[in-house]
Amino acid sequence: MPVSERADVLVVGLGAMGSGTCAQLAARGASVIGIDQYDPPHPLGSTHGETRMTRVAVGEGAEYVPLVRRSHELWREIEADTGTRLLTQPGGLIMSRPGAWFFEGTRELARRLGIEHEELSPAELRERFPMFAVDEQTEGYYEPEAGFVRPEDAVRAQLELARRAGAELRLRERVLSWSASRHGVGVVTDRARYTGGQLILCAGPWLPELFPEGRDLFAIYRQVQLWFPIRQGYEQLRSMPVFVWDFGGERGDFVHFDGFYGFPAVDGLSGGIKVATETYETTTMPDGYQHPPTAAETAAMYHHCIECRLPWLGPEPVRGLSCLYTSTRASRFVIDRHPEHAEVLIVSACSGHGFKHSPAIGEAVAQWVTDGHPQLDLTRFGLAHAARASTH
């Protein structure tokens, strides 16, 4: 095995959080080695699928709003620096019957924080967004700043910026072990050894392997994404907002959200409309393979979500993918120092709603590592909060 290489910071995992962290660390002058067992962006973890939603009024909690606002600023900076279009803001629509926690939490937060939005009656929903078959009890929340980010392009752009600023990226290397002491940190891969001053674990669904002390805090769930064919109304589907249809189920344990969500027609008439749900029945672990939706999962999504709510779409999908959620109870993030090693940071477990915040989290973590504290408040994402949620 080669002689060790050394850097100020070692970053393990180069998906959403890892790519953002590497780019921000390198921009601040830190020497960085980023390590990933694959060649990101790739379809084997959580950061893929063409589009990821972004919302300013984050119904999961007010503590996320500064992250998403800063991330919108950073997406624009990354676009300017790389010539890549990442953030598109056609607006965002949430539909629900009154009383659902996600819908009501989003609406209350927008009112309290003065986030621009409109509240729509069932009649207004049908008039403005005829592609949705809403009943007389379904209300709407429309946010003009919402939209979507291109995850693969975002990872690619941030890794490009990291390289430009001097980061060394070690791809297709699997981490076998890591160590930490008052003298620094070390990482052993299947190809080399690395040492540094600090270590950041951004490993997503691989985190339980690298942080077994927190294994009980995390659960990995496979989620499916399907692109249903367009039968009519392509022009309207192309210009419609991103959307969430909230069924109003209970939020508990690892469950984040009950309903489905989707995006405009971004790939032309033949590309279909991307729609996804969230399921929490069976945990899994990453195995290095893509596991597309089964015929039974496809039929269930169509009959449960599409057939009576999006009648402009057909039943046989154009394509499908799966992705992995690394979840905590109450759907909280984990961004904190390792409980036994101050030289190690855990930046993972984004519970299915982390991508939109990733550049701001990368910036805050880089500030934490280089300056000793982040400018944005990350205290609500500590391990103690995740542990408390697991006891309730």
Protein backbone atom coordinates (compact mmCIF):
# COMPACT_ATOMS: atom_id res chain seq x y z
CA MET A 1 0.00 0.00 0.00
CA PRO A 2 1.37 3.49 -0.88
CA VAL A 3 2.88 5.82 1.70
CA SER A 4 0.29 7.96 3.47
CA GLU A 5 -0.92 11.21 1.99
CA ARG A 6 -1.78 14.06 4.33
CA ALA A 7 -4.23 16.97 4.26
CA ASP A 8 -5.79 19.37 6.72
CA VAL A 9 -9.17 17.69 6.29
CA LEU A 10 -10.30 14.30 5.02
CA VAL A 11 -13.85 14.07 3.67
CA VAL A 12 -15.46 10.64 3.22
CA GLY A 13 -18.42 10.58 0.83
CA LEU A 14 -18.78 13.02 -2.09
CA GLY A 15 -22.51 13.21 -2.67
CA ALA A 16 -24.60 16.25 -1.83
CA MET A 17 -23.01 17.06 1.53
CA GLY A 18 -19.51 15.87 0.75
CA SER A 19 -19.18 17.72 -2.56
CA GLY A 20 -20.45 20.94 -0.98
CA THR A 21 -18.13 20.57 2.00
CA CYS A 22 -15.07 19.86 -0.17
CA ALA A 23 -15.75 22.86 -2.39
CA GLN A 24 -16.19 25.20 0.56
CA LEU A 25 -13.17 23.91 2.47
CA ALA A 26 -10.91 24.24 -0.56
CA ALA A 27 -12.22 27.74 -1.26
CA ARG A 28 -11.22 28.71 2.28
CA GLY A 29 -7.65 27.55 1.68
CA ALA A 30 -7.74 24.26 3.54
CA SER A 31 -5.94 21.30 2.02
CA VAL A 32 -8.54 18.63 1.41
CA ILE A 33 -8.64 15.00 0.35
CA GLY A 34 -12.11 13.79 -0.62
CA ILE A 35 -12.74 10.05 -0.83
CA ASP A 36 -15.62 8.15 -2.43
CA GLN A 37 -16.01 4.45 -3.21
CA TYR A 38 -17.74 5.29 -6.50
CA ASP A 39 -17.39 8.05 -9.11
CA PRO A 40 -19.94 10.70 -8.13
CA PRO A 41 -22.45 11.63 -9.22
CA HIS A 42 -23.81 8.08 -9.31
CA PRO A 43 -27.24 6.39 -8.88
CA LEU A 44 -26.39 4.12 -5.94
CA GLY A 45 -27.04 6.39 -2.95
CA SER A 46 -29.23 9.43 -2.40
CA THR A 47 -28.04 12.17 -4.77
CA HIS A 48 -29.53 11.38 -8.16
CA GLY A 49 -32.79 11.34 -10.08
CA GLU A 50 -32.55 14.49 -12.21
CA THR A 51 -34.45 16.88 -9.90
CA ARG A 52 -34.62 17.66 -6.18
CA MET A 53 -37.20 20.01 -4.71
CA THR A 54 -36.38 23.21 -2.83
CA ARG A 55 -38.85 25.12 -0.63
CA VAL A 56 -38.28 28.26 1.46
CA ALA A 57 -41.04 27.62 4.01
CA VAL A 58 -39.72 24.28 5.20
CA GLY A 59 -42.60 22.62 7.02
CA GLU A 60 -40.18 20.40 8.94
CA GLY A 61 -39.13 23.39 11.09
CA ALA A 62 -38.08 27.04 11.16
CA GLU A 63 -34.45 26.07 11.84
CA TYR A 64 -34.14 24.91 8.22
CA VAL A 65 -35.17 28.23 6.67
CA PRO A 66 -31.77 30.00 7.04
CA LEU A 67 -30.14 26.97 5.42
CA VAL A 68 -32.38 27.00 2.37
CA ARG A 69 -32.13 30.79 1.94
CA ARG A 70 -28.34 30.67 2.02
CA SER A 71 -28.35 27.65 -0.28
CA HIS A 72 -30.35 29.55 -2.89
CA GLU A 73 -27.67 32.24 -2.84
CA LEU A 74 -24.91 29.67 -3.13
CA TRP A 75 -26.59 27.79 -5.98
CA ARG A 76 -26.52 31.05 -7.97
CA GLU A 77 -22.85 31.59 -7.12
CA ILE A 78 -21.98 28.05 -8.18
CA GLU A 79 -23.91 28.55 -11.43
CA ALA A 80 -21.91 31.71 -12.16
CA ASP A 81 -18.60 30.03 -11.31
CA THR A 82 -19.19 26.91 -13.41
CA GLY A 83 -21.56 28.00 -16.18
CA THR A 84 -24.00 25.28 -15.08
CA ARG A 85 -27.72 25.80 -14.62
CA LEU A 86 -28.67 24.27 -11.28
CA LEU A 87 -31.61 26.09 -9.67
CA THR A 88 -34.94 26.55 -11.46
CA GLN A 89 -37.78 28.34 -9.66
CA PRO A 90 -41.16 27.72 -11.31
CA GLY A 91 -42.85 27.98 -7.90
CA GLY A 92 -44.06 25.28 -5.58
CA LEU A 93 -47.55 24.05 -4.76
CA ILE A 94 -48.65 22.05 -1.71
CA MET A 95 -52.14 20.54 -1.68
CA SER A 96 -53.92 19.03 1.29
CA ARG A 97 -57.08 18.89 3.25
CA PRO A 98 -56.82 21.19 6.29
CA GLY A 99 -55.25 19.78 9.44
CA ALA A 100 -52.30 17.86 7.96
CA TRP A 101 -49.11 18.59 9.91
CA PHE A 102 -46.90 19.17 6.87
CA PHE A 103 -49.37 21.47 5.10
CA GLU A 104 -50.32 23.41 8.21
CA GLY A 105 -46.70 23.66 9.37
CA THR A 106 -45.62 25.06 6.02
CA ARG A 107 -48.44 27.57 5.92
CA GLU A 108 -47.93 28.71 9.52
CA LEU A 109 -44.20 29.13 8.99
CA ALA A 110 -44.70 31.22 5.85
CA ARG A 111 -47.15 33.47 7.68
CA ARG A 112 -44.89 33.87 10.72
CA LEU A 113 -41.67 34.54 8.80
CA GLY A 114 -43.20 36.66 6.05
CA ILE A 115 -42.28 34.21 3.28
CA GLU A 116 -44.06 35.17 0.06
CA HIS A 117 -46.93 32.81 -0.65
CA GLU A 118 -50.56 32.49 -1.69
CA GLU A 119 -53.29 30.41 -0.07
CA LEU A 120 -55.67 28.90 -2.61
CA SER A 121 -59.22 27.63 -2.29
CA PRO A 122 -60.31 24.43 -4.06
CA ALA A 123 -61.89 26.52 -6.83
CA GLU A 124 -58.73 28.59 -7.27
CA LEU A 125 -56.64 25.42 -7.41
CA ARG A 126 -58.78 23.96 -10.18
CA GLU A 127 -58.71 27.18 -12.18
CA ARG A 128 -54.97 27.81 -11.98
CA PHE A 129 -53.72 24.21 -12.00
CA PRO A 130 -56.20 22.10 -14.00
CA MET A 131 -53.81 19.14 -14.24
CA PHE A 132 -54.69 18.30 -10.61
CA ALA A 133 -58.08 16.73 -9.84
CA VAL A 134 -58.80 18.28 -6.44
CA ASP A 135 -61.97 17.84 -4.43
CA GLU A 136 -63.97 20.46 -2.52
CA GLN A 137 -61.94 19.96 0.67
CA THR A 138 -58.44 20.26 -0.81
CA GLU A 139 -56.70 23.60 -0.27
CA GLY A 140 -53.48 24.93 -1.75
CA TYR A 141 -50.33 26.75 -0.67
CA TYR A 142 -48.31 28.33 -3.47
CA GLU A 143 -44.75 29.64 -2.97
CA PRO A 144 -43.16 31.50 -5.91
CA GLU A 145 -39.55 31.01 -4.73
CA ALA A 146 -39.81 27.22 -4.64
CA GLY A 147 -38.47 25.05 -7.42
CA PHE A 148 -35.90 22.36 -8.08
CA VAL A 149 -32.16 21.76 -8.28
CA ARG A 150 -30.37 19.32 -10.60
CA PRO A 151 -28.60 16.93 -8.18
CA GLU A 152 -26.15 15.24 -10.55
CA ASP A 153 -25.11 18.57 -12.07
CA ALA A 154 -24.83 20.12 -8.60
CA VAL A 155 -22.47 17.42 -7.35
CA ARG A 156 -20.44 17.58 -10.55
CA ALA A 157 -20.16 21.40 -10.36
CA GLN A 158 -19.10 21.46 -6.72
CA LEU A 159 -16.49 18.76 -7.23
CA GLU A 160 -15.17 20.78 -10.17
CA LEU A 161 -14.87 23.84 -7.92
CA ALA A 162 -13.17 21.75 -5.25
CA ARG A 163 -10.59 20.54 -7.77
CA ARG A 164 -10.00 24.05 -9.08
CA ALA A 165 -9.28 25.24 -5.55
CA GLY A 166 -6.77 22.44 -4.97
CA ALA A 167 -8.74 19.61 -3.39
CA GLU A 168 -7.49 16.11 -4.14
CA LEU A 169 -10.32 13.71 -4.95
CA ARG A 170 -9.76 9.99 -4.55
CA LEU A 171 -12.54 8.19 -6.39
CA ARG A 172 -13.35 4.47 -6.59
CA GLU A 173 -11.68 3.92 -3.23
CA ARG A 174 -13.58 2.12 -0.49
CA VAL A 175 -12.91 3.18 3.09
CA LEU A 176 -11.95 0.18 5.22
CA SER A 177 -11.40 1.93 8.54
CA TRP A 178 -10.70 5.25 10.20
CA SER A 179 -9.03 6.29 13.44
CA ALA A 180 -8.76 9.43 15.53
CA SER A 181 -6.61 10.65 18.41
CA ARG A 182 -5.31 13.91 19.81
CA HIS A 183 -2.61 13.70 17.14
CA GLY A 184 -5.08 13.73 14.24
CA VAL A 185 -7.09 11.34 12.11
CA GLY A 186 -6.36 8.52 9.70
CA VAL A 187 -8.31 6.76 6.97
CA VAL A 188 -7.40 3.45 5.35
CA THR A 189 -8.95 2.61 1.99
CA ASP A 190 -8.55 -0.38 -0.28
CA ARG A 191 -5.88 1.58 -2.16
CA ALA A 192 -4.08 3.95 0.23
CA ARG A 193 -3.67 5.48 3.69
CA TYR A 194 -4.48 9.11 4.51
CA THR A 195 -3.86 11.27 7.54
CA GLY A 196 -5.14 14.69 8.49
CA GLY A 197 -6.11 17.10 11.19
CA GLN A 198 -9.86 16.49 10.96
CA LEU A 199 -12.21 13.97 9.39
CA ILE A 200 -15.72 14.61 8.05
CA LEU A 201 -18.03 11.65 7.47
CA CYS A 202 -20.58 12.48 4.75
CA ALA A 203 -21.32 8.88 3.88
CA GLY A 204 -25.12 8.97 3.68
CA PRO A 205 -26.54 5.41 3.74
CA TRP A 206 -23.05 4.04 4.38
CA LEU A 207 -22.80 6.06 7.60
CA PRO A 208 -23.84 3.22 9.96
CA GLU A 209 -20.80 1.23 8.78
CA LEU A 210 -18.47 4.10 9.66
CA PHE A 211 -20.28 5.34 12.78
CA PRO A 212 -21.57 2.19 14.50
CA GLU A 213 -21.95 4.08 17.80
CA GLY A 214 -24.93 5.86 16.25
CA ARG A 215 -26.43 2.86 14.50
CA ASP A 216 -29.61 2.92 16.58
CA LEU A 217 -30.27 6.53 15.54
CA PHE A 218 -30.43 5.80 11.81
CA ALA A 219 -32.59 3.76 9.48
CA ILE A 220 -32.09 3.32 5.72
CA TYR A 221 -35.17 3.19 3.49
CA ARG A 222 -35.40 2.56 -0.23
CA GLN A 223 -37.65 5.05 -2.06
CA VAL A 224 -38.87 4.94 -5.65
CA GLN A 225 -39.16 7.60 -8.36
CA LEU A 226 -41.22 7.10 -11.52
CA TRP A 227 -41.67 9.13 -14.70
CA PHE A 228 -45.27 8.70 -15.89
CA PRO A 229 -46.11 9.42 -19.56
CA ILE A 230 -47.94 12.58 -20.63
CA ARG A 231 -51.32 11.94 -22.26
CA GLN A 232 -52.43 15.58 -22.61
CA GLY A 233 -51.60 19.14 -21.59
CA TYR A 234 -47.86 19.07 -22.23
CA GLU A 235 -47.51 22.87 -22.40
CA GLN A 236 -49.21 23.28 -19.03
CA LEU A 237 -47.29 20.40 -17.48
CA ARG A 238 -44.03 21.89 -18.71
CA SER A 239 -44.70 25.22 -16.96
CA MET A 240 -46.39 23.97 -13.80
CA PRO A 241 -44.78 24.30 -10.34
CA VAL A 242 -43.14 21.56 -8.36
CA PHE A 243 -45.82 20.04 -6.17
CA VAL A 244 -46.52 18.11 -3.00
CA TRP A 245 -49.82 16.35 -2.34
CA ASP A 246 -50.06 15.83 1.42
CA PHE A 247 -52.35 12.97 2.48
CA GLY A 248 -52.27 14.10 6.10
CA GLY A 249 -50.86 10.96 7.72
CA GLU A 250 -49.24 11.00 11.14
CA ARG A 251 -45.60 11.94 11.52
CA GLY A 252 -43.90 9.53 13.87
CA ASP A 253 -40.80 7.45 14.45
CA PHE A 254 -38.80 7.50 11.18
CA VAL A 255 -41.75 8.55 9.00
CA HIS A 256 -41.12 11.88 7.32
CA PHE A 257 -44.11 12.48 5.07
CA ASP A 258 -47.31 10.78 3.86
CA GLY A 259 -48.20 11.64 0.28
CA PHE A 260 -46.44 12.12 -3.03
CA TYR A 261 -44.60 14.87 -4.87
CA GLY A 262 -43.51 15.70 -8.39
CA PHE A 263 -41.97 18.07 -10.92
CA PRO A 264 -42.73 19.80 -14.21
CA ALA A 265 -42.05 18.13 -17.54
CA VAL A 266 -38.34 18.96 -17.79
CA ASP A 267 -37.39 16.41 -20.48
CA GLY A 268 -39.84 17.20 -23.25
CA LEU A 269 -43.06 15.51 -24.23
CA SER A 270 -41.52 12.03 -24.26
CA GLY A 271 -39.76 12.44 -20.91
CA GLY A 272 -42.85 12.18 -18.73
CA ILE A 273 -43.53 13.68 -15.31
CA LYS A 274 -41.39 12.60 -12.36
CA VAL A 275 -43.41 11.55 -9.31
CA ALA A 276 -42.18 10.01 -6.06
CA THR A 277 -43.57 8.74 -2.78
CA GLU A 278 -42.04 7.90 0.58
CA THR A 279 -42.40 4.49 2.23
CA TYR A 280 -41.11 3.31 5.60
CA GLU A 281 -42.18 -0.31 5.88
CA THR A 282 -38.83 -2.09 5.47
CA THR A 283 -35.29 -0.95 6.14
CA THR A 284 -32.42 -1.80 3.82
CA MET A 285 -28.71 -1.24 3.35
CA PRO A 286 -26.75 -0.05 0.29
CA ASP A 287 -25.33 -2.88 -1.77
CA GLY A 288 -23.79 -1.13 -4.78
CA TYR A 289 -26.73 -1.79 -7.09
CA GLN A 290 -29.62 0.27 -8.42
CA HIS A 291 -32.98 -1.31 -7.56
CA PRO A 292 -35.65 0.18 -9.86
CA PRO A 293 -39.35 0.06 -8.96
CA THR A 294 -41.04 -3.29 -9.34
CA ALA A 295 -44.21 -3.78 -11.38
CA ALA A 296 -46.19 -4.00 -8.15
CA GLU A 297 -44.70 -0.73 -6.83
CA THR A 298 -45.41 0.99 -10.14
CA ALA A 299 -49.03 -0.16 -10.19
CA ALA A 300 -49.52 0.84 -6.55
CA MET A 301 -48.19 4.35 -7.14
CA TYR A 302 -50.34 4.82 -10.20
CA HIS A 303 -53.54 3.64 -8.53
CA HIS A 304 -52.88 5.30 -5.17
CA CYS A 305 -51.44 8.62 -6.35
CA ILE A 306 -51.85 9.27 -10.07
CA GLU A 307 -55.02 7.76 -11.47
CA CYS A 308 -57.53 9.94 -9.62
CA ARG A 309 -55.30 12.98 -8.99
CA LEU A 310 -53.20 13.50 -12.14
CA PRO A 311 -55.48 12.24 -14.93
CA TRP A 312 -53.33 13.81 -17.64
CA LEU A 313 -50.72 11.08 -17.05
CA GLY A 314 -50.73 7.50 -18.28
CA PRO A 315 -50.15 4.29 -16.29
CA GLU A 316 -47.01 2.83 -17.91
CA PRO A 317 -43.94 4.76 -16.75
CA VAL A 318 -41.23 5.98 -19.08
CA ARG A 319 -38.58 4.96 -16.55
CA GLY A 320 -37.97 4.47 -12.84
CA LEU A 321 -35.24 4.68 -10.23
CA SER A 322 -34.75 4.03 -6.55
CA CYS A 323 -32.82 6.08 -4.02
CA LEU A 324 -31.96 5.71 -0.34
CA TYR A 325 -33.05 7.83 2.61
CA THR A 326 -30.76 7.84 5.64
CA SER A 327 -33.36 8.75 8.24
CA THR A 328 -33.57 9.67 11.90
CA ARG A 329 -36.62 9.74 14.12
CA ALA A 330 -38.47 13.04 13.65
CA SER A 331 -36.61 13.38 10.30
CA ARG A 332 -33.86 15.54 11.79
CA PHE A 333 -30.43 16.10 10.29
CA VAL A 334 -27.27 15.07 12.14
CA ILE A 335 -24.45 17.61 11.89
CA ASP A 336 -22.20 17.29 14.92
CA ARG A 337 -18.87 16.29 16.38
CA HIS A 338 -18.35 12.62 17.06
CA PRO A 339 -19.22 11.96 20.72
CA GLU A 340 -15.80 10.43 21.42
CA HIS A 341 -13.55 12.20 18.90
CA ALA A 342 -13.63 15.98 18.58
CA GLU A 343 -11.54 15.69 15.41
CA VAL A 344 -14.39 13.90 13.60
CA LEU A 345 -17.62 15.46 12.30
CA ILE A 346 -20.75 13.57 11.31
CA VAL A 347 -22.56 15.28 8.41
CA SER A 348 -25.23 12.92 7.27
CA ALA A 349 -28.66 11.46 7.95
CA CYS A 350 -30.66 13.99 5.97
CA SER A 351 -33.94 12.08 6.25
CA GLY A 352 -35.01 12.66 2.66
CA HIS A 353 -35.10 16.44 2.70
CA GLY A 354 -31.44 17.45 2.87
CA PHE A 355 -30.34 18.09 -0.69
CA LYS A 356 -31.86 21.57 -0.92
CA HIS A 357 -29.69 22.65 2.03
CA SER A 358 -26.43 21.02 1.02
CA PRO A 359 -24.36 24.02 -0.13
CA ALA A 360 -25.21 26.01 3.00
CA ILE A 361 -24.41 23.00 5.17
CA GLY A 362 -21.13 22.56 3.31
CA GLU A 363 -20.28 26.21 3.93
CA ALA A 364 -21.22 26.04 7.61
CA VAL A 365 -19.22 22.86 8.16
CA ALA A 366 -16.21 24.40 6.41
CA GLN A 367 -16.48 27.44 8.69
CA TRP A 368 -16.75 25.16 11.71
CA VAL A 369 -13.63 23.25 10.72
CA THR A 370 -11.49 26.25 9.76
CA ASP A 371 -12.76 28.98 12.10
CA GLY A 372 -14.05 26.95 15.02
CA HIS A 373 -17.71 27.86 14.58
CA PRO A 374 -20.27 28.13 11.77
CA GLN A 375 -22.05 31.38 10.95
CA LEU A 376 -25.39 29.57 10.69
CA ASP A 377 -26.80 27.92 13.80
CA LEU A 378 -26.40 24.13 13.59
CA THR A 379 -27.13 23.34 17.24
CA ARG A 380 -30.60 21.94 16.48
CA PHE A 381 -28.95 19.27 14.34
CA GLY A 382 -26.76 17.83 17.08
CA LEU A 383 -26.61 14.19 18.06
CA ALA A 384 -28.31 15.01 21.35
CA HIS A 385 -31.43 16.19 19.50
CA ALA A 386 -31.50 13.01 17.42
CA ALA A 387 -31.04 10.89 20.53
CA ARG A 388 -33.86 12.68 22.36
CA ALA A 389 -36.18 12.14 19.39
CA SER A 390 -35.39 8.42 19.50
CA THR A 391 -36.65 8.17 23.11
CA HIS A 392 -40.07 9.69 22.43
